[in-house]
Amino acid sequence: MPVEYSEGMLSFGMFILTENRDGLLNHLIDNDVYCNVNWRPNEATEQFPGSSYLSKHCITIPCDERYGSEEMVYIGEVVRSFLKGTRNNGRKNI
């Protein structure tokens, strides 16, 4: 996590850095998990190495009052399946 949480703090989403952002994005969409790409690469992000990296490698999965324990467990399973390199259909993530 990019910040250390303290008591009383709530995150609005699960922020994920990945070398395969678009692959994860597609995997989440294929498994009916809503997610958000916060920044897409553009002229402004390309001027700054840190911004450029984040624009190509980060994704956020909302975590708010709309989701209960069951939904969060499912989201975790979908993310883990991607990280393990297998999709629900058995194909390898590339």
N, C-alpha and C. Protein backbone atom coordinates (compact mmCIF):
# COMPACT_ATOMS: atom_id res chain seq x y z
N MET A 1 0.84 -1.19 0.00
CA MET A 1 0.00 0.00 0.00
C MET A 1 0.88 1.24 0.00
N PRO A 2 0.48 2.26 -0.73
CA PRO A 2 1.31 3.47 -0.81
C PRO A 2 1.30 4.30 0.47
N VAL A 3 0.31 4.09 1.35
CA VAL A 3 0.27 4.82 2.62
C VAL A 3 -0.01 3.85 3.74
N GLU A 4 0.43 4.20 4.93
CA GLU A 4 0.14 3.38 6.10
C GLU A 4 -1.16 3.88 6.71
N TYR A 5 -2.09 2.97 6.92
CA TYR A 5 -3.39 3.36 7.45
C TYR A 5 -3.34 3.55 8.95
N SER A 6 -4.12 4.49 9.43
CA SER A 6 -4.27 4.70 10.87
C SER A 6 -5.75 4.57 11.21
N GLU A 7 -6.04 4.45 12.49
CA GLU A 7 -7.41 4.28 12.93
C GLU A 7 -8.29 5.42 12.43
N GLY A 8 -9.46 5.08 11.94
CA GLY A 8 -10.39 6.09 11.46
C GLY A 8 -10.27 6.39 9.97
N MET A 9 -9.24 5.88 9.32
CA MET A 9 -9.09 6.10 7.89
C MET A 9 -9.85 5.04 7.13
N LEU A 10 -10.48 5.43 6.07
CA LEU A 10 -11.18 4.50 5.18
C LEU A 10 -10.72 4.75 3.76
N SER A 11 -10.48 3.68 3.07
CA SER A 11 -10.09 3.79 1.67
C SER A 11 -11.34 3.77 0.80
N PHE A 12 -11.36 4.54 -0.25
CA PHE A 12 -12.49 4.51 -1.18
C PHE A 12 -12.30 3.43 -2.22
N GLY A 13 -11.13 2.84 -2.28
CA GLY A 13 -10.88 1.81 -3.26
C GLY A 13 -9.59 1.07 -2.98
N MET A 14 -9.47 -0.08 -3.62
CA MET A 14 -8.25 -0.86 -3.52
C MET A 14 -7.38 -0.47 -4.71
N PHE A 15 -6.28 0.14 -4.43
CA PHE A 15 -5.34 0.64 -5.44
C PHE A 15 -4.34 -0.47 -5.74
N ILE A 16 -4.22 -0.85 -7.00
CA ILE A 16 -3.32 -1.94 -7.39
C ILE A 16 -2.33 -1.43 -8.43
N LEU A 17 -1.05 -1.69 -8.17
CA LEU A 17 -0.01 -1.45 -9.17
C LEU A 17 0.35 -2.78 -9.79
N THR A 18 0.35 -2.85 -11.11
CA THR A 18 0.65 -4.09 -11.80
C THR A 18 1.39 -3.80 -13.09
N GLU A 19 2.26 -4.71 -13.46
CA GLU A 19 2.98 -4.57 -14.72
C GLU A 19 2.07 -4.84 -15.91
N ASN A 20 0.91 -5.46 -15.66
CA ASN A 20 -0.01 -5.80 -16.74
C ASN A 20 -1.39 -5.20 -16.44
N ARG A 21 -1.45 -3.87 -16.36
CA ARG A 21 -2.67 -3.18 -16.01
C ARG A 21 -3.82 -3.50 -16.97
N ASP A 22 -3.57 -3.47 -18.25
CA ASP A 22 -4.64 -3.72 -19.21
C ASP A 22 -5.11 -5.17 -19.16
N GLY A 23 -4.20 -6.10 -18.92
CA GLY A 23 -4.60 -7.49 -18.76
C GLY A 23 -5.49 -7.68 -17.55
N LEU A 24 -5.11 -7.06 -16.42
CA LEU A 24 -5.93 -7.14 -15.21
C LEU A 24 -7.27 -6.46 -15.44
N LEU A 25 -7.26 -5.31 -16.08
CA LEU A 25 -8.50 -4.60 -16.39
C LEU A 25 -9.46 -5.50 -17.18
N ASN A 26 -8.97 -6.12 -18.22
CA ASN A 26 -9.80 -7.00 -19.03
C ASN A 26 -10.29 -8.21 -18.25
N HIS A 27 -9.43 -8.77 -17.41
CA HIS A 27 -9.80 -9.92 -16.59
C HIS A 27 -10.93 -9.54 -15.62
N LEU A 28 -10.81 -8.38 -15.00
CA LEU A 28 -11.86 -7.92 -14.08
C LEU A 28 -13.18 -7.70 -14.83
N ILE A 29 -13.11 -7.05 -15.97
CA ILE A 29 -14.31 -6.81 -16.77
C ILE A 29 -14.94 -8.13 -17.20
N ASP A 30 -14.10 -9.08 -17.65
CA ASP A 30 -14.62 -10.39 -18.08
C ASP A 30 -15.33 -11.12 -16.95
N ASN A 31 -14.97 -10.79 -15.70
CA ASN A 31 -15.55 -11.45 -14.53
C ASN A 31 -16.52 -10.54 -13.78
N ASP A 32 -17.04 -9.53 -14.48
CA ASP A 32 -18.08 -8.64 -13.94
C ASP A 32 -17.66 -7.89 -12.68
N VAL A 33 -16.38 -7.48 -12.62
CA VAL A 33 -15.89 -6.67 -11.51
C VAL A 33 -15.64 -5.26 -12.04
N TYR A 34 -16.32 -4.28 -11.45
CA TYR A 34 -16.13 -2.90 -11.86
C TYR A 34 -14.78 -2.40 -11.35
N CYS A 35 -14.06 -1.71 -12.20
CA CYS A 35 -12.78 -1.13 -11.81
C CYS A 35 -12.59 0.16 -12.57
N ASN A 36 -11.58 0.90 -12.18
CA ASN A 36 -11.35 2.21 -12.76
C ASN A 36 -9.87 2.41 -13.07
N VAL A 37 -9.60 2.88 -14.27
CA VAL A 37 -8.26 3.33 -14.62
C VAL A 37 -8.25 4.82 -14.33
N ASN A 38 -7.48 5.23 -13.33
CA ASN A 38 -7.51 6.62 -12.87
C ASN A 38 -6.87 7.57 -13.86
N TRP A 39 -5.75 7.19 -14.40
CA TRP A 39 -5.03 8.09 -15.31
C TRP A 39 -4.59 7.30 -16.52
N ARG A 40 -4.95 7.78 -17.66
CA ARG A 40 -4.47 7.18 -18.90
C ARG A 40 -3.26 8.00 -19.37
N PRO A 41 -2.29 7.36 -19.99
CA PRO A 41 -1.13 8.11 -20.48
C PRO A 41 -1.55 9.24 -21.43
N ASN A 42 -0.92 10.39 -21.26
CA ASN A 42 -1.17 11.52 -22.14
C ASN A 42 0.08 12.41 -22.16
N GLU A 43 0.02 13.53 -22.83
CA GLU A 43 1.20 14.39 -22.92
C GLU A 43 1.69 14.85 -21.55
N ALA A 44 0.78 15.15 -20.64
CA ALA A 44 1.17 15.62 -19.31
C ALA A 44 1.87 14.53 -18.52
N THR A 45 1.31 13.31 -18.52
CA THR A 45 1.92 12.25 -17.72
C THR A 45 3.28 11.84 -18.29
N GLU A 46 3.44 11.95 -19.59
CA GLU A 46 4.70 11.54 -20.21
C GLU A 46 5.86 12.46 -19.84
N GLN A 47 5.59 13.64 -19.33
CA GLN A 47 6.64 14.58 -18.95
C GLN A 47 7.28 14.24 -17.62
N PHE A 48 6.63 13.39 -16.82
CA PHE A 48 7.12 13.08 -15.48
C PHE A 48 7.18 11.57 -15.31
N PRO A 49 8.36 11.02 -15.02
CA PRO A 49 8.50 9.57 -14.94
C PRO A 49 7.53 8.91 -13.94
N GLY A 50 7.35 9.48 -12.77
CA GLY A 50 6.45 8.89 -11.78
C GLY A 50 5.01 8.87 -12.27
N SER A 51 4.56 9.97 -12.83
CA SER A 51 3.21 10.05 -13.36
C SER A 51 3.02 9.11 -14.54
N SER A 52 4.04 9.03 -15.38
CA SER A 52 3.97 8.15 -16.53
C SER A 52 3.82 6.70 -16.09
N TYR A 53 4.61 6.29 -15.10
CA TYR A 53 4.54 4.92 -14.60
C TYR A 53 3.15 4.63 -14.03
N LEU A 54 2.64 5.50 -13.18
CA LEU A 54 1.33 5.28 -12.58
C LEU A 54 0.23 5.23 -13.64
N SER A 55 0.33 6.07 -14.66
CA SER A 55 -0.71 6.10 -15.68
C SER A 55 -0.76 4.80 -16.49
N LYS A 56 0.32 4.05 -16.47
CA LYS A 56 0.38 2.80 -17.23
C LYS A 56 0.23 1.56 -16.37
N HIS A 57 0.31 1.71 -15.04
CA HIS A 57 0.37 0.53 -14.18
C HIS A 57 -0.62 0.50 -13.01
N CYS A 58 -1.49 1.48 -12.87
CA CYS A 58 -2.38 1.45 -11.70
C CYS A 58 -3.84 1.28 -12.11
N ILE A 59 -4.57 0.67 -11.20
CA ILE A 59 -6.00 0.44 -11.36
C ILE A 59 -6.61 0.53 -9.96
N THR A 60 -7.85 0.96 -9.88
CA THR A 60 -8.54 1.04 -8.59
C THR A 60 -9.84 0.25 -8.66
N ILE A 61 -10.05 -0.57 -7.64
CA ILE A 61 -11.31 -1.29 -7.50
C ILE A 61 -12.06 -0.62 -6.36
N PRO A 62 -13.25 -0.08 -6.62
CA PRO A 62 -14.00 0.60 -5.57
C PRO A 62 -14.32 -0.33 -4.40
N CYS A 63 -14.24 0.21 -3.21
CA CYS A 63 -14.59 -0.52 -1.98
C CYS A 63 -15.44 0.45 -1.15
N ASP A 64 -16.74 0.35 -1.29
CA ASP A 64 -17.60 1.26 -0.54
C ASP A 64 -18.85 0.54 -0.06
N GLU A 65 -19.83 1.31 0.37
CA GLU A 65 -21.03 0.74 0.98
C GLU A 65 -21.85 -0.13 0.04
N ARG A 66 -21.57 -0.09 -1.24
CA ARG A 66 -22.31 -0.92 -2.19
C ARG A 66 -21.88 -2.38 -2.14
N TYR A 67 -20.73 -2.66 -1.55
CA TYR A 67 -20.16 -4.00 -1.56
C TYR A 67 -20.14 -4.58 -0.16
N GLY A 68 -20.61 -5.81 -0.04
CA GLY A 68 -20.57 -6.52 1.22
C GLY A 68 -19.42 -7.52 1.23
N SER A 69 -19.36 -8.34 2.26
CA SER A 69 -18.28 -9.33 2.40
C SER A 69 -18.25 -10.30 1.23
N GLU A 70 -19.41 -10.75 0.79
CA GLU A 70 -19.47 -11.72 -0.30
C GLU A 70 -18.86 -11.14 -1.58
N GLU A 71 -19.19 -9.90 -1.90
CA GLU A 71 -18.65 -9.27 -3.10
C GLU A 71 -17.14 -9.06 -2.98
N MET A 72 -16.68 -8.68 -1.81
CA MET A 72 -15.25 -8.43 -1.63
C MET A 72 -14.45 -9.74 -1.73
N VAL A 73 -15.01 -10.83 -1.21
CA VAL A 73 -14.35 -12.13 -1.34
C VAL A 73 -14.26 -12.51 -2.82
N TYR A 74 -15.35 -12.31 -3.56
CA TYR A 74 -15.35 -12.62 -5.00
C TYR A 74 -14.30 -11.79 -5.73
N ILE A 75 -14.26 -10.49 -5.45
CA ILE A 75 -13.27 -9.62 -6.10
C ILE A 75 -11.86 -10.12 -5.80
N GLY A 76 -11.60 -10.48 -4.55
CA GLY A 76 -10.29 -11.01 -4.17
C GLY A 76 -9.95 -12.27 -4.95
N GLU A 77 -10.92 -13.15 -5.12
CA GLU A 77 -10.71 -14.39 -5.88
C GLU A 77 -10.39 -14.09 -7.34
N VAL A 78 -11.08 -13.13 -7.92
CA VAL A 78 -10.83 -12.78 -9.32
C VAL A 78 -9.43 -12.19 -9.48
N VAL A 79 -9.02 -11.31 -8.57
CA VAL A 79 -7.67 -10.73 -8.64
C VAL A 79 -6.63 -11.83 -8.45
N ARG A 80 -6.83 -12.71 -7.47
CA ARG A 80 -5.88 -13.80 -7.24
C ARG A 80 -5.77 -14.72 -8.47
N SER A 81 -6.91 -14.99 -9.11
CA SER A 81 -6.86 -15.87 -10.29
C SER A 81 -6.01 -15.23 -11.39
N PHE A 82 -6.09 -13.92 -11.52
CA PHE A 82 -5.26 -13.23 -12.51
C PHE A 82 -3.78 -13.31 -12.12
N LEU A 83 -3.50 -13.06 -10.86
CA LEU A 83 -2.12 -13.07 -10.40
C LEU A 83 -1.49 -14.46 -10.51
N LYS A 84 -2.31 -15.49 -10.36
CA LYS A 84 -1.81 -16.86 -10.51
C LYS A 84 -1.59 -17.22 -11.97
N GLY A 85 -2.10 -16.39 -12.88
CA GLY A 85 -1.86 -16.61 -14.29
C GLY A 85 -2.90 -17.46 -14.99
N THR A 86 -4.04 -17.67 -14.36
CA THR A 86 -5.08 -18.45 -15.02
C THR A 86 -6.37 -17.67 -15.00
N ARG A 87 -7.10 -17.78 -16.07
CA ARG A 87 -8.42 -17.19 -16.17
C ARG A 87 -9.42 -18.29 -15.85
N ASN A 88 -10.66 -17.89 -15.63
CA ASN A 88 -11.71 -18.88 -15.37
C ASN A 88 -11.84 -19.88 -16.51
N ASN A 89 -11.47 -19.49 -17.72
CA ASN A 89 -11.59 -20.39 -18.85
C ASN A 89 -10.32 -21.22 -19.06
N GLY A 90 -9.36 -21.09 -18.16
CA GLY A 90 -8.17 -21.92 -18.22
C GLY A 90 -7.03 -21.37 -19.06
N ARG A 91 -7.25 -20.25 -19.77
CA ARG A 91 -6.16 -19.67 -20.58
C ARG A 91 -5.17 -18.95 -19.67
N LYS A 92 -3.94 -18.90 -20.09
CA LYS A 92 -2.91 -18.18 -19.35
C LYS A 92 -2.99 -16.69 -19.64
N ASN A 93 -2.77 -15.87 -18.60
CA ASN A 93 -2.67 -14.42 -18.81
C ASN A 93 -1.33 -14.12 -19.45
N ILE A 94 -1.34 -13.22 -20.38
CA ILE A 94 -0.11 -12.82 -21.07
C ILE A 94 0.17 -11.37 -20.75
